[in-house]
PDB file of N, CA and C in Angstrom:
ATOM      1  N   MET A   1       0.853  -1.182   0.000  1.00  0.00           N
ATOM      2  CA  MET A   1       0.000   0.000   0.000  1.00  0.00           C
ATOM      3  C   MET A   1       0.895   1.241   0.000  1.00  0.00           C
ATOM      4  N   ASN A   2       0.521   2.249  -0.786  1.00  0.00           N
ATOM      5  CA  ASN A   2       1.307   3.486  -0.849  1.00  0.00           C
ATOM      6  C   ASN A   2       1.372   4.142   0.516  1.00  0.00           C
ATOM      7  N   SER A   3       2.485   4.819   0.778  1.00  0.00           N
ATOM      8  CA  SER A   3       2.592   5.521   2.053  1.00  0.00           C
ATOM      9  C   SER A   3       2.163   6.975   1.927  1.00  0.00           C
ATOM     10  N   ILE A   4       2.243   7.549   0.711  1.00  0.00           N
ATOM     11  CA  ILE A   4       1.725   8.896   0.466  1.00  0.00           C
ATOM     12  C   ILE A   4       0.628   8.779  -0.585  1.00  0.00           C
ATOM     13  N   HIS A   5      -0.533   9.279  -0.254  1.00  0.00           N
ATOM     14  CA  HIS A   5      -1.694   9.216  -1.132  1.00  0.00           C
ATOM     15  C   HIS A   5      -1.961  10.611  -1.694  1.00  0.00           C
ATOM     16  N   VAL A   6      -2.563  10.670  -2.870  1.00  0.00           N
ATOM     17  CA  VAL A   6      -2.859  11.947  -3.517  1.00  0.00           C
ATOM     18  C   VAL A   6      -4.303  11.950  -3.992  1.00  0.00           C
ATOM     19  N   ILE A   7      -5.014  12.995  -3.620  1.00  0.00           N
ATOM     20  CA  ILE A   7      -6.344  13.243  -4.161  1.00  0.00           C
ATOM     21  C   ILE A   7      -6.376  14.682  -4.662  1.00  0.00           C
ATOM     22  N   GLN A   8      -7.417  15.019  -5.399  1.00  0.00           N
ATOM     23  CA  GLN A   8      -7.568  16.374  -5.926  1.00  0.00           C
ATOM     24  C   GLN A   8      -8.918  16.936  -5.506  1.00  0.00           C
ATOM     25  N   PRO A   9      -8.966  17.544  -4.319  1.00  0.00           N
ATOM     26  CA  PRO A   9     -10.222  18.166  -3.893  1.00  0.00           C
ATOM     27  C   PRO A   9     -10.646  19.253  -4.879  1.00  0.00           C
ATOM     28  N   TYR A  10     -11.952  19.387  -5.047  1.00  0.00           N
ATOM     29  CA  TYR A  10     -12.496  20.433  -5.894  1.00  0.00           C
ATOM     30  C   TYR A  10     -13.817  20.893  -5.290  1.00  0.00           C
ATOM     31  N   LYS A  11     -14.177  22.109  -5.643  1.00  0.00           N
ATOM     32  CA  LYS A  11     -15.411  22.681  -5.134  1.00  0.00           C
ATOM     33  C   LYS A  11     -16.456  22.647  -6.236  1.00  0.00           C
ATOM     34  N   SER A  12     -17.605  22.069  -5.923  1.00  0.00           N
ATOM     35  CA  SER A  12     -18.710  21.982  -6.863  1.00  0.00           C
ATOM     36  C   SER A  12     -19.990  22.399  -6.157  1.00  0.00           C
ATOM     37  N   HIS A  13     -20.663  23.410  -6.677  1.00  0.00           N
ATOM     38  CA  HIS A  13     -21.904  23.915  -6.082  1.00  0.00           C
ATOM     39  C   HIS A  13     -21.706  24.277  -4.605  1.00  0.00           C
ATOM     40  N   GLY A  14     -20.542  24.861  -4.288  1.00  0.00           N
ATOM     41  CA  GLY A  14     -20.269  25.316  -2.934  1.00  0.00           C
ATOM     42  C   GLY A  14     -19.800  24.236  -1.972  1.00  0.00           C
ATOM     43  N   GLN A  15     -19.627  23.007  -2.436  1.00  0.00           N
ATOM     44  CA  GLN A  15     -19.235  21.882  -1.573  1.00  0.00           C
ATOM     45  C   GLN A  15     -17.884  21.323  -1.999  1.00  0.00           C
ATOM     46  N   TRP A  16     -16.967  21.163  -1.040  1.00  0.00           N
ATOM     47  CA  TRP A  16     -15.687  20.514  -1.314  1.00  0.00           C
ATOM     48  C   TRP A  16     -15.909  19.015  -1.413  1.00  0.00           C
ATOM     49  N   MET A  17     -15.305  18.376  -2.424  1.00  0.00           N
ATOM     50  CA  MET A  17     -15.431  16.937  -2.613  1.00  0.00           C
ATOM     51  C   MET A  17     -14.215  16.422  -3.379  1.00  0.00           C
ATOM     52  N   PHE A  18     -14.155  15.107  -3.584  1.00  0.00           N
ATOM     53  CA  PHE A  18     -13.081  14.526  -4.380  1.00  0.00           C
ATOM     54  C   PHE A  18     -13.568  13.253  -5.053  1.00  0.00           C
ATOM     55  N   ASP A  19     -12.837  12.890  -6.109  1.00  0.00           N
ATOM     56  CA  ASP A  19     -13.059  11.637  -6.827  1.00  0.00           C
ATOM     57  C   ASP A  19     -11.777  10.821  -6.751  1.00  0.00           C
ATOM     58  N   ASP A  20     -11.921   9.519  -6.702  1.00  0.00           N
ATOM     59  CA  ASP A  20     -10.773   8.625  -6.810  1.00  0.00           C
ATOM     60  C   ASP A  20     -11.255   7.326  -7.457  1.00  0.00           C
ATOM     61  N   PRO A  21     -11.275   7.320  -8.799  1.00  0.00           N
ATOM     62  CA  PRO A  21     -11.783   6.137  -9.506  1.00  0.00           C
ATOM     63  C   PRO A  21     -11.055   4.844  -9.131  1.00  0.00           C
ATOM     64  N   ALA A  22      -9.775   4.929  -8.786  1.00  0.00           N
ATOM     65  CA  ALA A  22      -9.022   3.725  -8.409  1.00  0.00           C
ATOM     66  C   ALA A  22      -9.609   3.063  -7.164  1.00  0.00           C
ATOM     67  N   HIS A  23     -10.283   3.847  -6.317  1.00  0.00           N
ATOM     68  CA  HIS A  23     -10.913   3.319  -5.110  1.00  0.00           C
ATOM     69  C   HIS A  23     -12.438   3.346  -5.209  1.00  0.00           C
ATOM     70  N   GLU A  24     -12.940   3.559  -6.435  1.00  0.00           N
ATOM     71  CA  GLU A  24     -14.377   3.606  -6.684  1.00  0.00           C
ATOM     72  C   GLU A  24     -15.075   4.680  -5.848  1.00  0.00           C
ATOM     73  N   ILE A  25     -14.414   5.829  -5.723  1.00  0.00           N
ATOM     74  CA  ILE A  25     -14.971   6.964  -4.987  1.00  0.00           C
ATOM     75  C   ILE A  25     -15.314   8.050  -6.000  1.00  0.00           C
ATOM     76  N   LEU A  26     -16.556   8.515  -5.969  1.00  0.00           N
ATOM     77  CA  LEU A  26     -17.002   9.551  -6.890  1.00  0.00           C
ATOM     78  C   LEU A  26     -17.817  10.592  -6.137  1.00  0.00           C
ATOM     79  N   ARG A  27     -17.412  11.849  -6.283  1.00  0.00           N
ATOM     80  CA  ARG A  27     -18.107  12.988  -5.666  1.00  0.00           C
ATOM     81  C   ARG A  27     -18.306  12.804  -4.156  1.00  0.00           C
ATOM     82  N   GLU A  28     -17.262  12.349  -3.485  1.00  0.00           N
ATOM     83  CA  GLU A  28     -17.297  12.154  -2.029  1.00  0.00           C
ATOM     84  C   GLU A  28     -17.147  13.520  -1.357  1.00  0.00           C
ATOM     85  N   PRO A  29     -18.159  13.958  -0.614  1.00  0.00           N
ATOM     86  CA  PRO A  29     -18.071  15.287   0.002  1.00  0.00           C
ATOM     87  C   PRO A  29     -17.217  15.283   1.275  1.00  0.00           C
ATOM     88  N   PHE A  30     -16.533  16.383   1.492  1.00  0.00           N
ATOM     89  CA  PHE A  30     -15.884  16.646   2.779  1.00  0.00           C
ATOM     90  C   PHE A  30     -16.928  17.343   3.634  1.00  0.00           C
ATOM     91  N   VAL A  31     -17.163  16.832   4.838  1.00  0.00           N
ATOM     92  CA  VAL A  31     -18.195  17.364   5.729  1.00  0.00           C
ATOM     93  C   VAL A  31     -17.647  17.488   7.142  1.00  0.00           C
ATOM     94  N   SER A  32     -18.453  18.010   8.027  1.00  0.00           N
ATOM     95  CA  SER A  32     -18.191  18.015   9.469  1.00  0.00           C
ATOM     96  C   SER A  32     -16.818  18.563   9.842  1.00  0.00           C
ATOM     97  N   GLY A  33     -16.510  19.721   9.314  1.00  0.00           N
ATOM     98  CA  GLY A  33     -15.250  20.384   9.659  1.00  0.00           C
ATOM     99  C   GLY A  33     -14.143  20.165   8.661  1.00  0.00           C
ATOM    100  N   ALA A  34     -14.133  19.023   7.964  1.00  0.00           N
ATOM    101  CA  ALA A  34     -13.104  18.788   6.945  1.00  0.00           C
ATOM    102  C   ALA A  34     -13.245  19.819   5.835  1.00  0.00           C
ATOM    103  N   ASP A  35     -14.489  20.142   5.478  1.00  0.00           N
ATOM    104  CA  ASP A  35     -14.739  21.161   4.459  1.00  0.00           C
ATOM    105  C   ASP A  35     -14.245  22.529   4.916  1.00  0.00           C
ATOM    106  N   GLU A  36     -14.395  22.831   6.193  1.00  0.00           N
ATOM    107  CA  GLU A  36     -13.951  24.119   6.728  1.00  0.00           C
ATOM    108  C   GLU A  36     -12.427  24.212   6.763  1.00  0.00           C
ATOM    109  N   ILE A  37     -11.758  23.126   7.092  1.00  0.00           N
ATOM    110  CA  ILE A  37     -10.296  23.109   7.074  1.00  0.00           C
ATOM    111  C   ILE A  37      -9.800  23.301   5.649  1.00  0.00           C
ATOM    112  N   ILE A  38     -10.384  22.589   4.706  1.00  0.00           N
ATOM    113  CA  ILE A  38      -9.965  22.717   3.306  1.00  0.00           C
ATOM    114  C   ILE A  38     -10.205  24.133   2.807  1.00  0.00           C
ATOM    115  N   GLU A  39     -11.325  24.712   3.146  1.00  0.00           N
ATOM    116  CA  GLU A  39     -11.626  26.084   2.728  1.00  0.00           C
ATOM    117  C   GLU A  39     -10.605  27.060   3.315  1.00  0.00           C
ATOM    118  N   ALA A  40     -10.285  26.916   4.597  1.00  0.00           N
ATOM    119  CA  ALA A  40      -9.323  27.814   5.244  1.00  0.00           C
ATOM    120  C   ALA A  40      -7.945  27.712   4.593  1.00  0.00           C
ATOM    121  N   VAL A  41      -7.489  26.492   4.349  1.00  0.00           N
ATOM    122  CA  VAL A  41      -6.172  26.295   3.738  1.00  0.00           C
ATOM    123  C   VAL A  41      -6.172  26.788   2.295  1.00  0.00           C
ATOM    124  N   SER A  42      -7.231  26.488   1.559  1.00  0.00           N
ATOM    125  CA  SER A  42      -7.331  26.920   0.168  1.00  0.00           C
ATOM    126  C   SER A  42      -7.245  28.443   0.058  1.00  0.00           C
ATOM    127  N   GLN A  43      -7.942  29.135   0.940  1.00  0.00           N
ATOM    128  CA  GLN A  43      -7.902  30.594   0.916  1.00  0.00           C
ATOM    129  C   GLN A  43      -6.542  31.131   1.341  1.00  0.00           C
ATOM    130  N   ALA A  44      -5.988  30.588   2.423  1.00  0.00           N
ATOM    131  CA  ALA A  44      -4.696  31.065   2.929  1.00  0.00           C
ATOM    132  C   ALA A  44      -3.567  30.853   1.928  1.00  0.00           C
ATOM    133  N   MET A  45      -3.637  29.745   1.170  1.00  0.00           N
ATOM    134  CA  MET A  45      -2.572  29.424   0.218  1.00  0.00           C
ATOM    135  C   MET A  45      -2.920  29.835  -1.221  1.00  0.00           C
ATOM    136  N   HIS A  46      -4.080  30.476  -1.404  1.00  0.00           N
ATOM    137  CA  HIS A  46      -4.522  30.923  -2.731  1.00  0.00           C
ATOM    138  C   HIS A  46      -4.530  29.770  -3.740  1.00  0.00           C
ATOM    139  N   LEU A  47      -5.149  28.668  -3.352  1.00  0.00           N
ATOM    140  CA  LEU A  47      -5.161  27.464  -4.187  1.00  0.00           C
ATOM    141  C   LEU A  47      -6.309  27.429  -5.185  1.00  0.00           C
ATOM    142  N   GLY A  48      -7.325  28.223  -4.962  1.00  0.00           N
ATOM    143  CA  GLY A  48      -8.470  28.184  -5.851  1.00  0.00           C
ATOM    144  C   GLY A  48      -9.404  27.040  -5.508  1.00  0.00           C
ATOM    145  N   ASN A  49     -10.179  26.607  -6.486  1.00  0.00           N
ATOM    146  CA  ASN A  49     -11.214  25.601  -6.256  1.00  0.00           C
ATOM    147  C   ASN A  49     -10.826  24.195  -6.674  1.00  0.00           C
ATOM    148  N   ARG A  50      -9.542  23.966  -6.971  1.00  0.00           N
ATOM    149  CA  ARG A  50      -9.072  22.626  -7.318  1.00  0.00           C
ATOM    150  C   ARG A  50      -7.563  22.595  -7.079  1.00  0.00           C
ATOM    151  N   PHE A  51      -7.106  21.579  -6.359  1.00  0.00           N
ATOM    152  CA  PHE A  51      -5.680  21.475  -6.038  1.00  0.00           C
ATOM    153  C   PHE A  51      -5.331  20.042  -5.691  1.00  0.00           C
ATOM    154  N   ASN A  52      -4.046  19.779  -5.523  1.00  0.00           N
ATOM    155  CA  ASN A  52      -3.576  18.455  -5.097  1.00  0.00           C
ATOM    156  C   ASN A  52      -3.454  18.434  -3.583  1.00  0.00           C
ATOM    157  N   MET A  53      -3.817  17.314  -2.991  1.00  0.00           N
ATOM    158  CA  MET A  53      -3.651  17.121  -1.556  1.00  0.00           C
ATOM    159  C   MET A  53      -2.985  15.767  -1.342  1.00  0.00           C
ATOM    160  N   ARG A  54      -1.786  15.797  -0.774  1.00  0.00           N
ATOM    161  CA  ARG A  54      -1.058  14.575  -0.435  1.00  0.00           C
ATOM    162  C   ARG A  54      -1.227  14.341   1.060  1.00  0.00           C
ATOM    163  N   PHE A  55      -1.369  13.075   1.434  1.00  0.00           N
ATOM    164  CA  PHE A  55      -1.527  12.772   2.855  1.00  0.00           C
ATOM    165  C   PHE A  55      -0.906  11.426   3.171  1.00  0.00           C
ATOM    166  N   SER A  56      -0.434  11.311   4.396  1.00  0.00           N
ATOM    167  CA  SER A  56       0.268  10.114   4.826  1.00  0.00           C
ATOM    168  C   SER A  56       0.150   9.964   6.335  1.00  0.00           C
ATOM    169  N   ALA A  57       0.319   8.733   6.806  1.00  0.00           N
ATOM    170  CA  ALA A  57       0.351   8.476   8.243  1.00  0.00           C
ATOM    171  C   ALA A  57       1.717   8.802   8.833  1.00  0.00           C
ATOM    172  N   GLY A  58       2.703   9.048   7.972  1.00  0.00           N
ATOM    173  CA  GLY A  58       4.048   9.404   8.434  1.00  0.00           C
ATOM    174  C   GLY A  58       4.481  10.733   7.852  1.00  0.00           C
ATOM    175  N   PRO A  59       5.391  11.408   8.532  1.00  0.00           N
ATOM    176  CA  PRO A  59       5.848  12.710   8.027  1.00  0.00           C
ATOM    177  C   PRO A  59       6.590  12.564   6.709  1.00  0.00           C
ATOM    178  N   PHE A  60       6.508  13.594   5.888  1.00  0.00           N
ATOM    179  CA  PHE A  60       7.242  13.635   4.625  1.00  0.00           C
ATOM    180  C   PHE A  60       7.633  15.087   4.362  1.00  0.00           C
ATOM    181  N   PRO A  61       8.684  15.311   3.580  1.00  0.00           N
ATOM    182  CA  PRO A  61       9.163  16.678   3.337  1.00  0.00           C
ATOM    183  C   PRO A  61       8.078  17.564   2.736  1.00  0.00           C
ATOM    184  N   GLY A  62       7.918  18.729   3.299  1.00  0.00           N
ATOM    185  CA  GLY A  62       7.001  19.721   2.752  1.00  0.00           C
ATOM    186  C   GLY A  62       5.564  19.621   3.212  1.00  0.00           C
ATOM    187  N   TYR A  63       5.263  18.767   4.201  1.00  0.00           N
ATOM    188  CA  TYR A  63       3.871  18.713   4.652  1.00  0.00           C
ATOM    189  C   TYR A  63       3.505  20.046   5.324  1.00  0.00           C
ATOM    190  N   HIS A  64       2.243  20.430   5.209  1.00  0.00           N
ATOM    191  CA  HIS A  64       1.769  21.709   5.748  1.00  0.00           C
ATOM    192  C   HIS A  64       0.969  21.576   7.033  1.00  0.00           C
ATOM    193  N   LEU A  65       0.304  20.456   7.193  1.00  0.00           N
ATOM    194  CA  LEU A  65      -0.658  20.337   8.273  1.00  0.00           C
ATOM    195  C   LEU A  65      -0.534  18.974   8.942  1.00  0.00           C
ATOM    196  N   LEU A  66      -0.607  18.968  10.247  1.00  0.00           N
ATOM    197  CA  LEU A  66      -0.588  17.738  11.024  1.00  0.00           C
ATOM    198  C   LEU A  66      -1.909  17.641  11.771  1.00  0.00           C
ATOM    199  N   LEU A  67      -2.588  16.516  11.580  1.00  0.00           N
ATOM    200  CA  LEU A  67      -3.859  16.256  12.251  1.00  0.00           C
ATOM    201  C   LEU A  67      -3.676  15.097  13.224  1.00  0.00           C
ATOM    202  N   TYR A  68      -4.225  15.244  14.424  1.00  0.00           N
ATOM    203  CA  TYR A  68      -4.141  14.203  15.451  1.00  0.00           C
ATOM    204  C   TYR A  68      -5.506  13.545  15.626  1.00  0.00           C
ATOM    205  N   SER A  69      -5.527  12.233  15.664  1.00  0.00           N
ATOM    206  CA  SER A  69      -6.773  11.501  15.857  1.00  0.00           C
ATOM    207  C   SER A  69      -7.328  11.770  17.247  1.00  0.00           C
ATOM    208  N   ARG A  70      -8.630  11.943  17.285  1.00  0.00           N
ATOM    209  CA  ARG A  70      -9.343  12.069  18.552  1.00  0.00           C
ATOM    210  C   ARG A  70     -10.277  10.876  18.763  1.00  0.00           C
ATOM    211  N   GLY A  71     -10.101   9.861  17.915  1.00  0.00           N
ATOM    212  CA  GLY A  71     -10.908   8.653  18.070  1.00  0.00           C
ATOM    213  C   GLY A  71     -12.002   8.546  17.032  1.00  0.00           C
ATOM    214  N   GLY A  72     -12.579   7.370  16.987  1.00  0.00           N
ATOM    215  CA  GLY A  72     -13.592   7.077  15.989  1.00  0.00           C
ATOM    216  C   GLY A  72     -14.985   7.438  16.441  1.00  0.00           C
ATOM    217  N   GLY A  73     -15.848   7.484  15.447  1.00  0.00           N
ATOM    218  CA  GLY A  73     -17.250   7.748  15.720  1.00  0.00           C
ATOM    219  C   GLY A  73     -18.025   7.807  14.428  1.00  0.00           C
ATOM    220  N   MET A  74     -19.225   7.263  14.431  1.00  0.00           N
ATOM    221  CA  MET A  74     -20.117   7.283  13.273  1.00  0.00           C
ATOM    222  C   MET A  74     -19.455   6.699  12.027  1.00  0.00           C
ATOM    223  N   GLY A  75     -18.611   5.682  12.224  1.00  0.00           N
ATOM    224  CA  GLY A  75     -17.973   4.998  11.109  1.00  0.00           C
ATOM    225  C   GLY A  75     -16.717   5.661  10.584  1.00  0.00           C
ATOM    226  N   GLY A  76     -16.418   6.865  11.050  1.00  0.00           N
ATOM    227  CA  GLY A  76     -15.226   7.596  10.610  1.00  0.00           C
ATOM    228  C   GLY A  76     -14.313   7.901  11.783  1.00  0.00           C
ATOM    229  N   THR A  77     -13.497   8.930  11.623  1.00  0.00           N
ATOM    230  CA  THR A  77     -12.528   9.292  12.659  1.00  0.00           C
ATOM    231  C   THR A  77     -12.482  10.801  12.812  1.00  0.00           C
ATOM    232  N   PHE A  78     -12.445  11.266  14.053  1.00  0.00           N
ATOM    233  CA  PHE A  78     -12.310  12.688  14.349  1.00  0.00           C
ATOM    234  C   PHE A  78     -10.827  13.043  14.433  1.00  0.00           C
ATOM    235  N   TYR A  79     -10.466  14.196  13.856  1.00  0.00           N
ATOM    236  CA  TYR A  79      -9.084  14.694  13.882  1.00  0.00           C
ATOM    237  C   TYR A  79      -9.059  16.142  14.333  1.00  0.00           C
ATOM    238  N   TRP A  80      -7.950  16.520  14.973  1.00  0.00           N
ATOM    239  CA  TRP A  80      -7.736  17.874  15.490  1.00  0.00           C
ATOM    240  C   TRP A  80      -6.489  18.466  14.850  1.00  0.00           C
ATOM    241  N   SER A  81      -6.598  19.719  14.417  1.00  0.00           N
ATOM    242  CA  SER A  81      -5.452  20.474  13.902  1.00  0.00           C
ATOM    243  C   SER A  81      -5.067  21.538  14.919  1.00  0.00           C
ATOM    244  N   PRO A  82      -3.953  21.346  15.644  1.00  0.00           N
ATOM    245  CA  PRO A  82      -3.517  22.381  16.580  1.00  0.00           C
ATOM    246  C   PRO A  82      -3.160  23.686  15.855  1.00  0.00           C
ATOM    247  N   LYS A  83      -2.604  23.578  14.661  1.00  0.00           N
ATOM    248  CA  LYS A  83      -2.198  24.757  13.893  1.00  0.00           C
ATOM    249  C   LYS A  83      -3.399  25.643  13.574  1.00  0.00           C
ATOM    250  N   LEU A  84      -4.485  25.031  13.140  1.00  0.00           N
ATOM    251  CA  LEU A  84      -5.689  25.786  12.772  1.00  0.00           C
ATOM    252  C   LEU A  84      -6.690  25.901  13.918  1.00  0.00           C
ATOM    253  N   LYS A  85      -6.465  25.123  14.974  1.00  0.00           N
ATOM    254  CA  LYS A  85      -7.400  25.047  16.098  1.00  0.00           C
ATOM    255  C   LYS A  85      -8.805  24.680  15.603  1.00  0.00           C
ATOM    256  N   MET A  86      -8.823  23.638  14.760  1.00  0.00           N
ATOM    257  CA  MET A  86     -10.079  23.169  14.179  1.00  0.00           C
ATOM    258  C   MET A  86     -10.140  21.649  14.261  1.00  0.00           C
ATOM    259  N   GLU A  87     -11.359  21.140  14.407  1.00  0.00           N
ATOM    260  CA  GLU A  87     -11.593  19.705  14.413  1.00  0.00           C
ATOM    261  C   GLU A  87     -12.374  19.320  13.160  1.00  0.00           C
ATOM    262  N   CYS A  88     -12.157  18.095  12.712  1.00  0.00           N
ATOM    263  CA  CYS A  88     -12.924  17.590  11.571  1.00  0.00           C
ATOM    264  C   CYS A  88     -13.209  16.114  11.777  1.00  0.00           C
ATOM    265  N   TRP A  89     -14.151  15.637  11.011  1.00  0.00           N
ATOM    266  CA  TRP A  89     -14.485  14.223  10.981  1.00  0.00           C
ATOM    267  C   TRP A  89     -14.198  13.731   9.575  1.00  0.00           C
ATOM    268  N   LEU A  90     -13.409  12.681   9.456  1.00  0.00           N
ATOM    269  CA  LEU A  90     -13.140  12.073   8.159  1.00  0.00           C
ATOM    270  C   LEU A  90     -13.978  10.810   8.062  1.00  0.00           C
ATOM    271  N   CYS A  91     -14.757  10.740   7.006  1.00  0.00           N
ATOM    272  CA  CYS A  91     -15.737   9.676   6.819  1.00  0.00           C
ATOM    273  C   CYS A  91     -15.057   8.330   6.533  1.00  0.00           C
ATOM    274  N   PRO A  92     -15.830   7.265   6.416  1.00  0.00           N
ATOM    275  CA  PRO A  92     -15.255   5.947   6.167  1.00  0.00           C
ATOM    276  C   PRO A  92     -14.438   5.827   4.879  1.00  0.00           C
ATOM    277  N   ALA A  93     -14.514   6.806   3.976  1.00  0.00           N
ATOM    278  CA  ALA A  93     -13.652   6.784   2.781  1.00  0.00           C
ATOM    279  C   ALA A  93     -12.175   6.767   3.177  1.00  0.00           C
ATOM    280  N   LEU A  94     -11.859   7.216   4.383  1.00  0.00           N
ATOM    281  CA  LEU A  94     -10.476   7.172   4.888  1.00  0.00           C
ATOM    282  C   LEU A  94      -9.916   5.754   4.819  1.00  0.00           C
ATOM    283  N   PHE A  95     -10.793   4.758   5.003  1.00  0.00           N
ATOM    284  CA  PHE A  95     -10.340   3.366   5.038  1.00  0.00           C
ATOM    285  C   PHE A  95     -10.080   2.780   3.651  1.00  0.00           C
ATOM    286  N   ALA A  96     -10.318   3.562   2.620  1.00  0.00           N
ATOM    287  CA  ALA A  96      -9.873   3.170   1.280  1.00  0.00           C
ATOM    288  C   ALA A  96      -8.358   3.328   1.170  1.00  0.00           C
ATOM    289  N   TYR A  97      -7.781   4.138   2.065  1.00  0.00           N
ATOM    290  CA  TYR A  97      -6.350   4.449   2.024  1.00  0.00           C
ATOM    291  C   TYR A  97      -5.565   3.833   3.186  1.00  0.00           C
ATOM    292  N   PHE A  98      -6.240   3.563   4.294  1.00  0.00           N
ATOM    293  CA  PHE A  98      -5.587   3.016   5.484  1.00  0.00           C
ATOM    294  C   PHE A  98      -6.435   1.884   6.064  1.00  0.00           C
ATOM    295  N   ARG A  99      -5.787   0.834   6.532  1.00  0.00           N
ATOM    296  CA  ARG A  99      -6.522  -0.287   7.157  1.00  0.00           C
ATOM    297  C   ARG A  99      -7.198   0.159   8.446  1.00  0.00           C
ATOM    298  N   THR A 100      -6.462   0.954   9.223  1.00  0.00           N
ATOM    299  CA  THR A 100      -7.006   1.541  10.447  1.00  0.00           C
ATOM    300  C   THR A 100      -6.722   3.039  10.410  1.00  0.00           C
ATOM    301  N   ALA A 101      -7.495   3.787  11.121  1.00  0.00           N
ATOM    302  CA  ALA A 101      -7.316   5.245  11.129  1.00  0.00           C
ATOM    303  C   ALA A 101      -5.954   5.596  11.734  1.00  0.00           C
ATOM    304  N   PRO A 102      -5.148   6.361  11.009  1.00  0.00           N
ATOM    305  CA  PRO A 102      -3.843   6.755  11.540  1.00  0.00           C
ATOM    306  C   PRO A 102      -3.982   7.628  12.788  1.00  0.00           C
ATOM    307  N   VAL A 103      -3.032   7.492  13.685  1.00  0.00           N
ATOM    308  CA  VAL A 103      -2.990   8.335  14.875  1.00  0.00           C
ATOM    309  C   VAL A 103      -2.695   9.775  14.468  1.00  0.00           C
ATOM    310  N   ARG A 104      -1.855   9.938  13.448  1.00  0.00           N
ATOM    311  CA  ARG A 104      -1.522  11.253  12.903  1.00  0.00           C
ATOM    312  C   ARG A 104      -1.686  11.221  11.393  1.00  0.00           C
ATOM    313  N   LEU A 105      -2.139  12.322  10.822  1.00  0.00           N
ATOM    314  CA  LEU A 105      -2.200  12.492   9.379  1.00  0.00           C
ATOM    315  C   LEU A 105      -1.385  13.721   9.008  1.00  0.00           C
ATOM    316  N   TYR A 106      -0.453  13.549   8.093  1.00  0.00           N
ATOM    317  CA  TYR A 106       0.368  14.637   7.590  1.00  0.00           C
ATOM    318  C   TYR A 106      -0.171  15.004   6.217  1.00  0.00           C
ATOM    319  N   VAL A 107      -0.413  16.292   5.986  1.00  0.00           N
ATOM    320  CA  VAL A 107      -1.095  16.716   4.759  1.00  0.00           C
ATOM    321  C   VAL A 107      -0.314  17.851   4.095  1.00  0.00           C
ATOM    322  N   GLN A 108      -0.230  17.753   2.772  1.00  0.00           N
ATOM    323  CA  GLN A 108       0.411  18.790   1.967  1.00  0.00           C
ATOM    324  C   GLN A 108      -0.577  19.238   0.891  1.00  0.00           C
ATOM    325  N   PHE A 109      -0.625  20.529   0.645  1.00  0.00           N
ATOM    326  CA  PHE A 109      -1.501  21.120  -0.360  1.00  0.00           C
ATOM    327  C   PHE A 109      -0.632  21.772  -1.428  1.00  0.00           C
ATOM    328  N   SER A 110      -1.010  21.615  -2.695  1.00  0.00           N
ATOM    329  CA  SER A 110      -0.245  22.267  -3.757  1.00  0.00           C
ATOM    330  C   SER A 110      -1.127  22.515  -4.986  1.00  0.00           C
ATOM    331  N   HIS A 111      -0.702  23.494  -5.768  1.00  0.00           N
ATOM    332  CA  HIS A 111      -1.401  23.785  -7.028  1.00  0.00           C
ATOM    333  C   HIS A 111      -1.285  22.570  -7.936  1.00  0.00           C
ATOM    334  N   ARG A 112      -2.246  22.387  -8.773  1.00  0.00           N
ATOM    335  CA  ARG A 112      -2.242  21.267  -9.717  1.00  0.00           C
ATOM    336  C   ARG A 112      -1.222  21.467 -10.788  1.00  0.00           C
TER     337      ARG A 112
END
């Protein structure tokens, strides 16, 4: 299994979402704080409405954001960003990339 995963979040009709045909994911919305984190980062970094997002359970050069697990719930996992002072819930689509929810998620954002 890859250690660094890449998706391309995009905004459609005011909602952040992503597709990943390799994992049979189509128009998966970011909700419950994940959308707010993506919006904040997108605005701060001037990324626009479509960008690359790399994420991993381990640190890698150039990551921008570190999220700490706060435990599971409703089939997904809650994460906290000390940098942004924001919490989010990542839905069960997270398990398309990881067997179990990582204790930490390292995330990098970049222009396409």
